[in-house]
N, C-alpha and C. Protein backbone atom coordinates (compact mmCIF):
# COMPACT_ATOMS: atom_id res chain seq x y z
N MET A 1 0.75 -1.43 0.39
CA MET A 1 0.29 -0.50 0.12
C MET A 1 1.10 1.05 -0.03
N LYS A 2 1.32 1.99 -1.65
CA LYS A 2 2.03 2.94 -1.19
C LYS A 2 2.09 4.11 -1.14
N SER A 3 0.96 4.34 -1.32
CA SER A 3 0.30 6.16 -1.53
C SER A 3 -0.38 6.63 -0.10
N THR A 4 0.75 7.97 -0.72
CA THR A 4 0.81 8.45 0.46
C THR A 4 -0.96 8.78 1.06
N LEU A 5 -1.78 8.55 0.10
CA LEU A 5 -3.64 8.92 0.46
C LEU A 5 -4.25 8.15 0.98
N ILE A 6 -3.46 6.68 1.25
CA ILE A 6 -4.54 5.46 1.77
C ILE A 6 -3.19 4.76 2.75
N ALA A 7 -3.42 4.67 4.03
CA ALA A 7 -2.17 3.93 4.49
C ALA A 7 -2.78 2.99 5.36
N SER A 8 -2.66 1.67 6.08
CA SER A 8 -2.79 0.93 6.74
C SER A 8 -2.95 1.37 7.90
N LEU A 9 -3.58 0.50 8.86
CA LEU A 9 -4.41 1.07 10.13
C LEU A 9 -2.91 0.69 11.85
N SER A 10 -2.57 -0.97 10.79
CA SER A 10 -1.22 -0.66 11.28
C SER A 10 -0.20 -0.14 11.49
N ASP A 11 0.11 0.89 10.74
CA ASP A 11 1.35 1.53 10.44
C ASP A 11 0.49 3.37 10.66
N LEU A 12 -0.26 3.47 11.51
CA LEU A 12 -1.00 4.96 12.33
C LEU A 12 -1.06 4.37 13.88
N ARG A 13 -0.83 5.78 14.46
CA ARG A 13 -0.12 6.26 15.79
C ARG A 13 -1.58 7.27 16.11
N GLN A 14 -1.53 7.48 17.70
CA GLN A 14 -2.22 8.34 18.58
C GLN A 14 -1.75 9.74 17.67
N THR A 15 -0.61 10.15 17.57
CA THR A 15 -0.34 11.09 16.81
C THR A 15 -0.73 11.30 15.99
N ASP A 16 -1.05 10.81 15.26
CA ASP A 16 -1.20 10.93 13.64
C ASP A 16 -2.83 11.25 14.02
N ALA A 17 -3.15 12.24 14.99
CA ALA A 17 -5.26 12.04 15.35
C ALA A 17 -5.63 13.30 13.80
N ARG A 18 -4.91 14.97 14.47
CA ARG A 18 -4.56 15.81 14.23
C ARG A 18 -4.78 15.28 12.13
N ARG A 19 -4.28 15.17 11.72
CA ARG A 19 -4.09 14.75 10.11
C ARG A 19 -5.86 13.79 9.92
N ILE A 20 -6.25 12.67 10.56
CA ILE A 20 -6.68 11.13 10.14
C ILE A 20 -7.71 11.32 11.53
N GLY A 21 -7.94 12.05 12.31
CA GLY A 21 -9.22 11.95 13.11
C GLY A 21 -8.55 11.02 14.10
N ASN A 22 -9.14 10.98 15.05
CA ASN A 22 -9.56 10.44 16.54
C ASN A 22 -9.66 8.98 16.22
N LYS A 23 -10.39 8.77 15.78
CA LYS A 23 -10.84 7.02 15.86
C LYS A 23 -10.06 5.92 14.62
N ALA A 24 -9.18 6.33 13.74
CA ALA A 24 -8.37 5.47 12.97
C ALA A 24 -6.98 5.64 13.41
N ALA A 25 -6.34 7.76 14.31
CA ALA A 25 -5.41 7.16 14.63
C ALA A 25 -5.40 5.89 16.18
N MET A 26 -6.79 5.98 16.98
CA MET A 26 -7.19 5.05 17.98
C MET A 26 -6.91 3.92 17.93
N LEU A 27 -6.98 3.68 17.20
CA LEU A 27 -7.65 1.83 15.95
C LEU A 27 -5.94 1.52 15.25
N GLY A 28 -5.43 2.24 15.68
CA GLY A 28 -4.01 2.15 14.60
C GLY A 28 -3.34 2.04 16.65
N GLU A 29 -3.57 2.38 16.88
CA GLU A 29 -2.28 2.58 18.57
C GLU A 29 -2.86 1.22 18.86
N LEU A 30 -4.19 1.45 19.13
CA LEU A 30 -4.05 -0.13 19.86
C LEU A 30 -3.34 -1.58 18.82
N MET A 31 -3.76 -1.53 17.37
CA MET A 31 -2.70 -2.24 16.38
C MET A 31 -0.91 -2.20 17.36
N GLN A 32 -0.78 -1.40 17.58
CA GLN A 32 0.99 -1.48 17.69
C GLN A 32 0.80 -2.04 18.91
N ARG A 33 -0.18 -2.11 19.49
CA ARG A 33 -0.27 -2.14 21.06
C ARG A 33 -0.46 -4.08 21.14
N LYS A 34 -0.27 -4.55 19.66
CA LYS A 34 -0.81 -5.54 20.11
C LYS A 34 -2.30 -6.38 20.19
N MET A 35 -3.13 -5.40 19.76
CA MET A 35 -4.82 -5.77 20.87
C MET A 35 -5.36 -6.61 18.93
N ASN A 36 -6.66 -6.91 19.66
CA ASN A 36 -7.48 -7.52 18.89
C ASN A 36 -8.09 -6.36 17.85
N VAL A 37 -8.05 -5.93 16.86
CA VAL A 37 -8.58 -5.16 16.09
C VAL A 37 -8.86 -5.58 14.21
N PRO A 38 -9.95 -5.46 13.88
CA PRO A 38 -10.39 -5.91 12.05
C PRO A 38 -9.36 -5.07 11.98
N ASN A 39 -8.31 -5.68 10.52
CA ASN A 39 -7.67 -4.79 9.68
C ASN A 39 -8.16 -3.95 8.82
N GLY A 40 -7.82 -3.07 8.26
CA GLY A 40 -8.24 -2.10 7.50
C GLY A 40 -7.12 -1.12 7.37
N PHE A 41 -7.60 0.00 6.24
CA PHE A 41 -7.22 1.12 6.38
C PHE A 41 -7.54 2.10 6.30
N ILE A 42 -6.91 3.69 5.84
CA ILE A 42 -7.82 4.66 6.33
C ILE A 42 -7.07 5.30 5.12
N ILE A 43 -8.63 5.95 4.09
CA ILE A 43 -8.61 6.57 3.10
C ILE A 43 -8.51 7.95 3.63
N LEU A 44 -7.53 8.71 2.63
CA LEU A 44 -7.67 10.20 2.99
C LEU A 44 -8.54 11.43 1.80
N GLN A 45 -9.21 12.46 2.12
CA GLN A 45 -10.11 13.24 1.24
C GLN A 45 -9.03 12.68 -0.36
N LYS A 46 -8.25 13.55 -1.17
CA LYS A 46 -7.80 12.49 -2.44
C LYS A 46 -7.75 12.06 -2.88
N ALA A 47 -7.98 10.43 -1.77
CA ALA A 47 -7.42 9.47 -3.06
C ALA A 47 -8.81 9.17 -4.21
N ASN A 48 -7.84 8.22 -4.62
CA ASN A 48 -8.72 8.07 -6.32
C ASN A 48 -9.43 6.61 -6.19
N ARG A 49 -9.82 6.17 -7.00
CA ARG A 49 -10.70 4.73 -7.25
C ARG A 49 -9.23 3.88 -7.81
N GLN A 50 -8.97 3.64 -8.02
CA GLN A 50 -8.23 2.84 -8.56
C GLN A 50 -6.93 2.43 -7.09
N GLU A 51 -6.83 3.36 -6.64
CA GLU A 51 -6.03 3.38 -5.53
C GLU A 51 -6.79 2.25 -4.18
N ILE A 52 -7.95 3.14 -4.23
CA ILE A 52 -9.16 2.13 -3.19
C ILE A 52 -9.31 0.90 -3.52
N LEU A 53 -9.31 1.00 -4.33
CA LEU A 53 -9.90 -0.90 -4.55
C LEU A 53 -8.61 -1.33 -4.53
N GLU A 54 -7.61 -1.18 -5.17
CA GLU A 54 -6.35 -2.40 -4.93
C GLU A 54 -6.02 -2.40 -3.42
N ALA A 55 -6.39 -1.10 -2.68
CA ALA A 55 -6.25 -1.75 -1.02
C ALA A 55 -7.37 -2.64 0.01
N PHE A 56 -8.12 -2.01 -0.93
CA PHE A 56 -9.48 -2.78 -0.75
C PHE A 56 -9.19 -4.49 -1.28
N ASP A 57 -8.53 -5.02 -2.59
CA ASP A 57 -7.67 -6.35 -2.49
C ASP A 57 -7.25 -6.68 -1.95
N ASP A 58 -6.21 -6.39 -1.73
CA ASP A 58 -5.44 -6.21 -1.13
C ASP A 58 -5.72 -6.64 0.33
N LEU A 59 -6.52 -5.98 1.28
CA LEU A 59 -7.54 -6.49 2.74
C LEU A 59 -7.60 -7.83 2.59
N GLY A 60 -8.10 -8.56 1.21
CA GLY A 60 -8.45 -10.12 1.12
C GLY A 60 -10.24 -10.47 1.64
N SER A 61 -10.97 -8.92 1.70
CA SER A 61 -12.17 -9.26 2.92
C SER A 61 -12.87 -9.67 2.02
N SER A 62 -14.44 -10.33 1.87
CA SER A 62 -15.13 -10.07 0.66
C SER A 62 -16.51 -8.65 0.82
N ARG A 63 -16.30 -9.02 2.58
CA ARG A 63 -17.32 -7.72 3.29
C ARG A 63 -16.35 -7.00 4.00
N VAL A 64 -16.80 -5.39 4.30
CA VAL A 64 -15.96 -4.43 4.92
C VAL A 64 -16.65 -3.92 5.75
N ALA A 65 -16.58 -3.34 6.53
CA ALA A 65 -16.83 -2.12 6.99
C ALA A 65 -16.67 -0.50 6.68
N VAL A 66 -17.37 0.18 6.21
CA VAL A 66 -16.99 1.97 6.13
C VAL A 66 -17.37 2.82 6.70
N ARG A 67 -16.32 3.73 8.01
CA ARG A 67 -16.66 4.17 8.94
C ARG A 67 -15.90 5.76 8.81
N SER A 68 -16.59 6.30 9.60
CA SER A 68 -15.72 7.85 10.36
C SER A 68 -15.26 7.98 10.59
N SER A 69 -13.77 8.86 10.17
CA SER A 69 -13.40 9.28 11.48
C SER A 69 -12.74 11.09 10.86
N ALA A 70 -13.45 12.38 11.86
CA ALA A 70 -12.84 12.97 11.33
C ALA A 70 -11.66 13.53 12.58
N PRO A 71 -11.59 14.99 13.18
CA PRO A 71 -10.77 15.74 13.87
C PRO A 71 -12.47 15.97 14.27
N GLY A 72 -11.87 15.52 15.77
CA GLY A 72 -12.66 15.98 16.75
C GLY A 72 -13.57 14.67 16.67
N GLU A 73 -13.80 14.09 16.58
CA GLU A 73 -14.68 13.05 16.64
C GLU A 73 -13.77 12.09 17.66
N ASP A 74 -14.53 11.71 18.63
CA ASP A 74 -14.57 10.68 19.41
C ASP A 74 -12.66 11.43 20.76
N GLY A 75 -13.01 12.47 20.93
CA GLY A 75 -12.12 13.50 21.36
C GLY A 75 -12.21 13.41 23.39
N MET A 76 -11.49 14.12 23.36
CA MET A 76 -11.56 13.99 25.42
C MET A 76 -13.56 15.12 25.71
N LYS A 77 -13.18 15.74 24.85
CA LYS A 77 -14.34 16.97 25.37
C LYS A 77 -15.82 15.95 24.54
N LYS A 78 -15.80 15.82 23.50
CA LYS A 78 -17.36 15.35 22.95
C LYS A 78 -17.41 14.02 22.35
N SER A 79 -18.01 12.94 21.86
CA SER A 79 -17.15 11.51 21.23
C SER A 79 -18.02 11.69 19.80
N HIS A 80 -18.94 12.46 20.19
CA HIS A 80 -20.27 12.47 18.31
C HIS A 80 -20.12 11.03 18.51
N ALA A 81 -20.83 9.86 18.78
CA ALA A 81 -21.14 9.07 19.08
C ALA A 81 -22.48 8.73 17.77
N GLY A 82 -22.42 7.72 17.43
CA GLY A 82 -23.10 7.56 16.32
C GLY A 82 -23.47 8.96 15.45
N GLN A 83 -23.17 9.96 15.33
CA GLN A 83 -23.61 11.79 14.78
C GLN A 83 -23.62 10.80 13.24
N PHE A 84 -21.84 9.61 12.78
CA PHE A 84 -21.49 10.13 11.72
C PHE A 84 -21.61 8.57 10.80
N MET A 85 -22.00 8.92 9.59
CA MET A 85 -22.29 7.73 9.12
C MET A 85 -21.50 6.01 9.08
N THR A 86 -22.47 5.01 9.27
CA THR A 86 -21.49 4.24 9.24
C THR A 86 -22.16 3.21 8.40
N VAL A 87 -21.47 2.33 7.03
CA VAL A 87 -21.92 1.17 5.62
C VAL A 87 -21.10 0.11 6.50
N LEU A 88 -22.00 -0.76 6.34
CA LEU A 88 -21.64 -2.10 7.10
C LEU A 88 -22.17 -3.28 5.36
N ASN A 89 -21.08 -4.14 6.23
CA ASN A 89 -21.32 -5.60 5.20
C ASN A 89 -21.13 -4.92 3.16
N VAL A 90 -20.14 -4.28 3.18
CA VAL A 90 -19.75 -3.68 1.48
C VAL A 90 -19.23 -4.76 1.08
N ARG A 91 -19.95 -4.78 0.10
CA ARG A 91 -18.87 -5.54 -0.96
C ARG A 91 -18.06 -4.39 -2.91
N ARG A 92 -17.18 -5.15 -3.28
CA ARG A 92 -16.14 -4.08 -4.27
C ARG A 92 -17.44 -3.37 -4.91
N PRO A 93 -18.07 -4.22 -5.70
CA PRO A 93 -18.97 -3.60 -6.58
C PRO A 93 -20.03 -1.84 -5.52
N THR A 94 -19.55 -1.26 -4.83
CA THR A 94 -20.35 -0.77 -3.66
C THR A 94 -19.96 -0.19 -3.23
N LEU A 95 -18.65 -0.40 -3.59
CA LEU A 95 -17.94 0.41 -2.57
C LEU A 95 -17.27 1.95 -2.03
N MET A 96 -17.61 2.41 -3.73
CA MET A 96 -17.08 3.60 -3.76
C MET A 96 -18.01 4.52 -3.22
N SER A 97 -19.55 3.81 -4.03
CA SER A 97 -20.68 4.85 -3.12
C SER A 97 -20.71 4.99 -1.77
N ALA A 98 -20.52 3.70 -0.89
CA ALA A 98 -20.37 3.43 0.25
C ALA A 98 -19.81 4.33 1.24
N ILE A 99 -18.48 5.23 0.31
CA ILE A 99 -17.95 5.62 0.76
C ILE A 99 -17.61 7.42 1.19
N LYS A 100 -18.81 7.48 -0.21
CA LYS A 100 -19.35 8.75 -0.55
C LYS A 100 -20.41 9.23 0.44
N LYS A 101 -21.37 8.19 1.02
CA LYS A 101 -21.99 8.38 2.31
C LYS A 101 -20.50 8.65 2.89
N VAL A 102 -20.23 8.40 3.57
CA VAL A 102 -19.62 8.58 4.81
C VAL A 102 -19.24 9.77 4.97
N ARG A 103 -18.32 10.09 3.38
CA ARG A 103 -17.40 10.98 3.37
C ARG A 103 -18.91 12.69 3.62
N VAL A 104 -19.89 12.43 2.53
CA VAL A 104 -20.49 13.74 3.15
C VAL A 104 -21.03 13.89 4.82
N SER A 105 -21.02 12.61 5.02
CA SER A 105 -21.50 12.77 6.47
C SER A 105 -21.06 14.18 7.66
N GLY A 106 -19.35 14.59 7.44
CA GLY A 106 -19.67 15.36 7.91
C GLY A 106 -17.94 15.89 7.51
N PRO A 107 -17.87 17.19 7.79
CA PRO A 107 -17.06 18.15 7.25
C PRO A 107 -15.63 17.40 7.31
N ARG A 108 -14.05 17.78 6.20
CA ARG A 108 -13.22 17.11 6.64
C ARG A 108 -12.78 15.60 7.19
N MET A 109 -13.73 14.66 6.19
CA MET A 109 -13.46 13.21 6.95
C MET A 109 -13.27 12.70 6.34
N SER A 110 -12.03 11.95 6.26
CA SER A 110 -11.68 11.05 5.98
C SER A 110 -12.51 9.46 6.53
N VAL A 111 -12.27 8.01 5.57
CA VAL A 111 -12.81 6.69 5.44
C VAL A 111 -11.77 5.85 6.10
N ILE A 112 -12.33 5.50 7.31
CA ILE A 112 -12.24 3.67 7.28
C ILE A 112 -12.47 2.85 6.74
N VAL A 113 -11.94 1.99 6.18
CA VAL A 113 -12.46 0.75 5.58
C VAL A 113 -12.18 -0.45 6.17
N GLN A 114 -12.23 -1.35 7.18
CA GLN A 114 -11.69 -2.14 7.89
C GLN A 114 -12.87 -3.77 7.19
N THR A 115 -12.32 -5.18 7.26
CA THR A 115 -12.62 -5.76 7.63
C THR A 115 -13.74 -6.11 8.24
N MET A 116 -15.28 -6.87 7.91
CA MET A 116 -15.99 -6.86 8.67
C MET A 116 -16.46 -7.87 9.20
N ILE A 117 -16.18 -7.78 10.69
CA ILE A 117 -16.97 -9.72 11.55
C ILE A 117 -17.63 -9.35 11.38
N GLN A 118 -18.64 -10.27 11.72
CA GLN A 118 -19.74 -10.88 12.11
C GLN A 118 -19.80 -11.33 13.25
N PRO A 119 -20.34 -11.13 14.49
CA PRO A 119 -20.42 -10.76 15.97
C PRO A 119 -21.37 -12.38 16.25
N THR A 120 -21.71 -12.63 17.43
CA THR A 120 -21.94 -13.69 18.26
C THR A 120 -22.57 -11.89 18.80
N TYR A 121 -22.06 -11.63 19.73
CA TYR A 121 -22.32 -10.36 20.71
C TYR A 121 -21.60 -9.43 20.09
N ALA A 122 -22.27 -8.15 20.12
CA ALA A 122 -21.43 -6.49 20.09
C ALA A 122 -21.70 -5.48 20.56
N GLY A 123 -21.21 -4.30 21.34
CA GLY A 123 -21.99 -3.75 22.20
C GLY A 123 -20.92 -2.62 22.24
N VAL A 124 -20.69 -2.19 23.86
CA VAL A 124 -19.99 -1.20 24.35
C VAL A 124 -19.70 -1.52 26.01
N ALA A 125 -18.84 -0.85 25.85
CA ALA A 125 -17.90 -0.57 27.78
C ALA A 125 -17.63 0.04 27.68
N PHE A 126 -17.13 0.26 28.98
CA PHE A 126 -16.67 1.50 30.09
C PHE A 126 -16.53 1.32 31.47
N SER A 127 -14.70 1.95 31.44
CA SER A 127 -14.84 1.14 32.41
C SER A 127 -14.76 1.55 33.64
N LYS A 128 -15.55 2.71 33.40
CA LYS A 128 -15.98 3.57 34.77
C LYS A 128 -17.88 3.74 34.48
N ASN A 129 -18.85 3.65 35.00
CA ASN A 129 -19.84 3.95 35.60
C ASN A 129 -20.01 5.48 34.78
N PRO A 130 -20.24 5.38 33.43
CA PRO A 130 -20.16 6.93 33.22
C PRO A 130 -21.51 8.26 33.89
N VAL A 131 -22.42 6.91 34.49
CA VAL A 131 -23.67 8.36 34.76
C VAL A 131 -23.27 8.71 36.53
N THR A 132 -22.59 7.55 36.99
CA THR A 132 -22.08 8.16 38.17
C THR A 132 -21.06 7.96 38.61
N ASN A 133 -20.53 7.88 37.97
CA ASN A 133 -18.40 8.13 37.51
C ASN A 133 -17.98 7.41 38.90
N ASN A 134 -18.58 6.17 38.84
CA ASN A 134 -18.21 5.14 40.29
C ASN A 134 -17.27 4.20 38.86
N LYS A 135 -15.91 4.47 39.96
CA LYS A 135 -14.53 4.36 39.15
C LYS A 135 -14.77 2.54 39.08
N ASN A 136 -14.70 1.81 40.22
CA ASN A 136 -15.04 0.63 40.84
C ASN A 136 -15.89 -0.36 39.95
N GLU A 137 -17.21 0.42 39.31
CA GLU A 137 -17.66 -0.32 38.16
C GLU A 137 -17.28 -0.67 36.67
N ILE A 138 -16.80 -1.13 36.52
CA ILE A 138 -16.84 -1.30 33.97
C ILE A 138 -18.35 -1.74 34.24
N ILE A 139 -19.22 -1.13 32.81
CA ILE A 139 -20.63 -0.90 32.65
C ILE A 139 -20.29 -1.55 31.16
N ILE A 140 -20.97 -2.92 31.03
CA ILE A 140 -20.98 -3.84 29.84
C ILE A 140 -22.40 -3.92 28.96
N GLU A 141 -22.75 -3.53 27.72
CA GLU A 141 -24.14 -3.23 27.05
C GLU A 141 -24.01 -4.62 26.28
N ALA A 142 -24.73 -5.33 25.61
CA ALA A 142 -24.30 -5.89 25.13
C ALA A 142 -25.57 -6.26 24.22
N VAL A 143 -25.58 -6.44 23.04
CA VAL A 143 -26.72 -7.46 22.16
C VAL A 143 -26.31 -8.29 20.79
N ARG A 144 -27.25 -9.25 20.45
CA ARG A 144 -26.57 -10.04 19.29
C ARG A 144 -26.83 -9.64 18.26
N GLY A 145 -25.59 -10.23 17.50
CA GLY A 145 -25.39 -9.39 16.36
C GLY A 145 -24.26 -8.30 16.02
N LEU A 146 -25.14 -7.78 15.22
CA LEU A 146 -24.50 -6.04 14.80
C LEU A 146 -24.07 -5.37 15.99
N GLY A 147 -22.86 -4.47 16.51
CA GLY A 147 -23.34 -3.64 17.31
C GLY A 147 -23.91 -2.27 17.10
N GLU A 148 -24.47 -2.13 15.44
CA GLU A 148 -24.34 -0.93 15.77
C GLU A 148 -25.91 -0.62 16.10
N SER A 149 -26.50 -2.14 15.89
CA SER A 149 -27.97 -2.22 16.38
C SER A 149 -27.81 -1.13 18.07
N LEU A 150 -26.83 -1.43 18.96
CA LEU A 150 -27.51 -1.03 19.73
C LEU A 150 -26.98 0.77 20.00
N VAL A 151 -25.94 1.53 19.02
CA VAL A 151 -25.42 2.93 18.98
C VAL A 151 -26.69 3.65 18.41
N SER A 152 -27.29 2.76 17.90
CA SER A 152 -28.43 3.70 17.00
C SER A 152 -29.98 3.20 17.78
N GLY A 153 -30.21 2.93 18.97
CA GLY A 153 -30.59 2.66 19.53
C GLY A 153 -31.94 1.98 18.87
N LYS A 154 -31.54 0.53 18.01
CA LYS A 154 -33.10 -0.08 17.51
C LYS A 154 -32.55 -1.62 18.21
N LYS A 155 -31.98 -1.37 19.34
CA LYS A 155 -32.26 -3.14 19.76
C LYS A 155 -31.52 -2.55 21.35
N THR A 156 -32.76 -3.02 22.26
CA THR A 156 -31.95 -2.46 23.80
C THR A 156 -31.51 -3.85 24.48
N PRO A 157 -30.12 -3.23 24.79
CA PRO A 157 -28.96 -4.46 25.12
C PRO A 157 -29.08 -5.17 26.54
N ARG A 158 -28.42 -6.15 26.96
CA ARG A 158 -28.03 -6.31 28.16
C ARG A 158 -27.13 -6.00 28.44
N ARG A 159 -27.30 -5.85 30.43
CA ARG A 159 -26.80 -4.54 31.16
C ARG A 159 -26.12 -5.64 31.81
N TYR A 160 -24.29 -5.21 31.71
CA TYR A 160 -23.54 -6.59 32.99
C TYR A 160 -22.93 -5.15 34.34
N ILE A 161 -22.94 -5.18 35.25
CA ILE A 161 -22.33 -4.17 36.02
C ILE A 161 -20.95 -5.20 36.97
N VAL A 162 -20.16 -5.28 36.68
CA VAL A 162 -18.63 -5.59 36.95
C VAL A 162 -18.25 -4.87 38.26
N SER A 163 -18.86 -4.75 39.23
CA SER A 163 -18.49 -4.17 40.85
C SER A 163 -17.04 -5.13 41.28
N GLY A 164 -15.65 -3.79 41.40
CA GLY A 164 -14.45 -4.50 42.18
C GLY A 164 -13.89 -5.75 41.31
N GLY A 165 -13.88 -5.71 40.25
CA GLY A 165 -13.41 -6.46 40.16
C GLY A 165 -13.46 -8.00 40.37
N ASN A 166 -15.40 -8.28 40.40
CA ASN A 166 -15.80 -9.37 40.91
C ASN A 166 -17.02 -9.98 39.96
N HIS A 167 -15.94 -11.06 38.85
CA HIS A 167 -16.87 -11.76 37.60
C HIS A 167 -17.74 -12.39 37.98
N THR A 168 -17.65 -12.78 38.90
CA THR A 168 -18.96 -14.05 39.55
C THR A 168 -20.39 -14.15 39.03
N GLY A 169 -20.95 -15.00 38.56
CA GLY A 169 -22.29 -14.77 37.68
C GLY A 169 -22.59 -14.61 36.21
N THR A 170 -21.02 -13.78 35.54
CA THR A 170 -21.14 -13.19 34.28
C THR A 170 -20.07 -14.43 33.77
N PRO A 171 -21.25 -14.41 32.29
CA PRO A 171 -20.22 -15.35 30.99
C PRO A 171 -18.50 -15.23 31.73
N LEU A 172 -18.66 -15.95 30.87
CA LEU A 172 -16.63 -15.55 31.02
C LEU A 172 -16.24 -14.49 29.95
N TRP A 173 -16.83 -14.59 28.62
CA TRP A 173 -16.83 -13.65 28.09
C TRP A 173 -16.98 -12.42 28.29
N ILE A 174 -17.44 -12.25 29.28
CA ILE A 174 -18.16 -10.42 30.06
C ILE A 174 -17.13 -10.67 30.54
N ALA A 175 -16.15 -11.50 31.35
CA ALA A 175 -15.26 -11.35 32.44
C ALA A 175 -13.71 -11.26 31.51
N ARG A 176 -13.74 -11.79 30.82
CA ARG A 176 -12.76 -11.32 29.82
C ARG A 176 -13.11 -10.10 29.18
N LEU A 177 -13.92 -9.37 28.45
CA LEU A 177 -14.16 -8.31 28.32
C LEU A 177 -13.82 -7.00 29.56
N ALA A 178 -14.23 -7.35 31.14
CA ALA A 178 -14.15 -6.90 31.87
C ALA A 178 -12.31 -6.04 32.04
N THR A 179 -11.72 -7.35 31.98
CA THR A 179 -10.27 -7.32 31.94
C THR A 179 -9.32 -6.37 31.21
N LEU A 180 -10.76 -6.74 30.15
CA LEU A 180 -9.77 -5.66 28.91
C LEU A 180 -9.73 -4.84 28.53
N THR A 181 -10.83 -4.14 29.43
CA THR A 181 -11.46 -2.57 29.55
C THR A 181 -10.25 -1.74 29.99
N LYS A 182 -10.66 -3.02 31.57
CA LYS A 182 -9.98 -2.13 32.73
C LYS A 182 -7.76 -1.82 32.56
N LYS A 183 -7.24 -3.00 32.00
CA LYS A 183 -6.16 -3.15 31.37
C LYS A 183 -6.14 -1.93 29.94
N LEU A 184 -6.96 -2.07 29.07
CA LEU A 184 -6.74 -0.56 27.98
C LEU A 184 -7.00 0.99 28.73
N GLU A 185 -7.58 0.61 30.08
CA GLU A 185 -8.30 2.21 31.24
C GLU A 185 -6.40 2.71 31.61
N LYS A 186 -6.25 1.23 32.30
CA LYS A 186 -4.56 1.28 32.74
C LYS A 186 -3.40 1.56 31.72
N GLN A 187 -3.66 1.37 30.67
CA GLN A 187 -2.17 1.82 29.40
C GLN A 187 -2.77 3.21 28.86
N PHE A 188 -3.85 3.87 28.65
CA PHE A 188 -4.61 5.07 28.05
C PHE A 188 -3.87 6.04 29.11
N GLY A 189 -4.38 5.57 30.10
CA GLY A 189 -3.95 6.53 31.47
C GLY A 189 -5.43 7.41 31.94
N TYR A 190 -7.09 6.90 31.08
CA TYR A 190 -8.15 6.99 31.43
C TYR A 190 -9.17 6.47 30.91
N PRO A 191 -9.45 7.11 31.75
CA PRO A 191 -11.98 5.87 31.72
C PRO A 191 -11.58 5.69 30.78
N VAL A 192 -11.50 4.81 29.91
CA VAL A 192 -12.16 4.31 28.44
C VAL A 192 -13.72 3.77 28.38
N ASP A 193 -14.55 4.28 27.06
CA ASP A 193 -15.44 4.03 25.93
C ASP A 193 -15.24 3.28 25.06
N ILE A 194 -15.31 1.54 25.10
CA ILE A 194 -14.82 1.19 23.57
C ILE A 194 -16.38 0.40 23.12
N GLU A 195 -16.14 0.84 21.54
CA GLU A 195 -17.29 -0.43 21.06
C GLU A 195 -16.13 -1.94 20.58
N TRP A 196 -16.86 -2.87 21.26
CA TRP A 196 -15.87 -3.91 20.76
C TRP A 196 -17.04 -5.24 20.60
N ALA A 197 -16.84 -6.61 19.64
CA ALA A 197 -17.32 -7.26 18.83
C ALA A 197 -17.06 -8.57 19.55
N LEU A 198 -17.71 -9.82 19.67
CA LEU A 198 -17.10 -11.30 19.99
C LEU A 198 -17.53 -12.28 18.88
N ALA A 199 -16.74 -12.92 17.97
CA ALA A 199 -16.81 -13.70 16.94
C ALA A 199 -16.87 -14.89 16.92
N LYS A 200 -16.49 -16.36 17.33
CA LYS A 200 -15.39 -16.96 17.85
C LYS A 200 -15.03 -17.11 18.72
N ASN A 201 -15.63 -16.24 19.19
CA ASN A 201 -14.48 -16.83 20.85
C ASN A 201 -13.91 -15.09 21.26
N GLN A 202 -13.54 -14.52 19.91
CA GLN A 202 -12.16 -13.71 20.09
C GLN A 202 -13.00 -12.58 19.81
N LEU A 203 -13.00 -11.46 21.23
CA LEU A 203 -13.08 -10.82 21.06
C LEU A 203 -12.41 -9.22 20.76
N TYR A 204 -13.46 -8.62 19.26
CA TYR A 204 -12.59 -7.26 19.10
C TYR A 204 -12.41 -6.33 19.16
N ILE A 205 -11.76 -4.96 18.97
CA ILE A 205 -12.07 -3.52 19.49
C ILE A 205 -12.35 -2.65 18.61
N LEU A 206 -13.18 -2.10 18.03
CA LEU A 206 -13.62 -1.96 17.20
C LEU A 206 -14.12 -0.40 16.92
N GLN A 207 -13.63 0.37 18.76
CA GLN A 207 -13.29 1.73 18.72
C GLN A 207 -12.97 1.83 20.07
N LEU A 208 -11.59 3.25 20.46
CA LEU A 208 -11.74 3.83 21.77
C LEU A 208 -11.31 4.93 21.77
N ARG A 209 -12.38 5.38 22.59
CA ARG A 209 -12.52 7.08 23.02
C ARG A 209 -12.70 6.88 25.07
N PRO A 210 -12.22 8.13 25.14
CA PRO A 210 -12.04 8.75 26.50
C PRO A 210 -13.86 8.49 27.21
N VAL A 211 -14.57 8.46 28.06
CA VAL A 211 -15.87 8.13 28.57
C VAL A 211 -15.90 9.86 29.05
N THR A 212 -16.71 10.44 28.11
CA THR A 212 -17.36 11.64 28.11
C THR A 212 -18.51 11.89 29.00
N THR A 213 -18.69 12.75 29.58
CA THR A 213 -19.88 13.40 30.27
C THR A 213 -21.23 14.08 29.59
C-alpha cells in the first residue's frame, strides 16, 4: 500500500489524530499495542478510485465496514458517537458509493475501511460508570449480532455491571471483556469507552475513546 493518501491502520499511531481523525488514530495505536482490531486502511480525502480498490483487494475480505474518522470525533470533550455515517457489509461493487456516503456525513472526513466482523455479540463497555462516575464499576452493554443496532437505539441491550473486579455469575467472555477494558484504561491513563465485538470466541476492539459525560 504505497499511496500517501491511503495508509494501513497498523501503520498509524495516536499522534496521527490531527491528520486522520481520532478514531483511525486510536485503532492504529491499539494495533501497535497488539490488541485485536480488524485489519483495514484509512482513506484521506483525495485518494482516487483505483488506489482505493487496490487497497480493498489487498485486504482480502469479501465484505468490509466503511466508517468515519473526523477531526474532533471521539475526543476528550465530545465523542460524537453515532452522529456520522457507518456502512456495513459492503462488497467491492458498492464500495465507492459507501465511501461517498461516509464522506458527506461530516466535514473534513477521512474514511476507514475494515474487514467486516460477523459477531455473535457486540456492544459497548465503559471502564467506569459513565452516569455515577463510580470508578469501581465496569459497565458492559451487549446485543446479539451487530453493535450498530445498539448505537442507533434499535435494540435494547443486556447490561452487565462488574463491580470491584468481581466476575461471579457473568459469562466467561464478559469477564474477559471487563479485564480488557480495565487494562486499556491503565494503558491509556484515562477511563475508556470501547466498542467491541465477539466472534468465534475472539474479542475485537472496534473503537476506543475517552469516557465523556
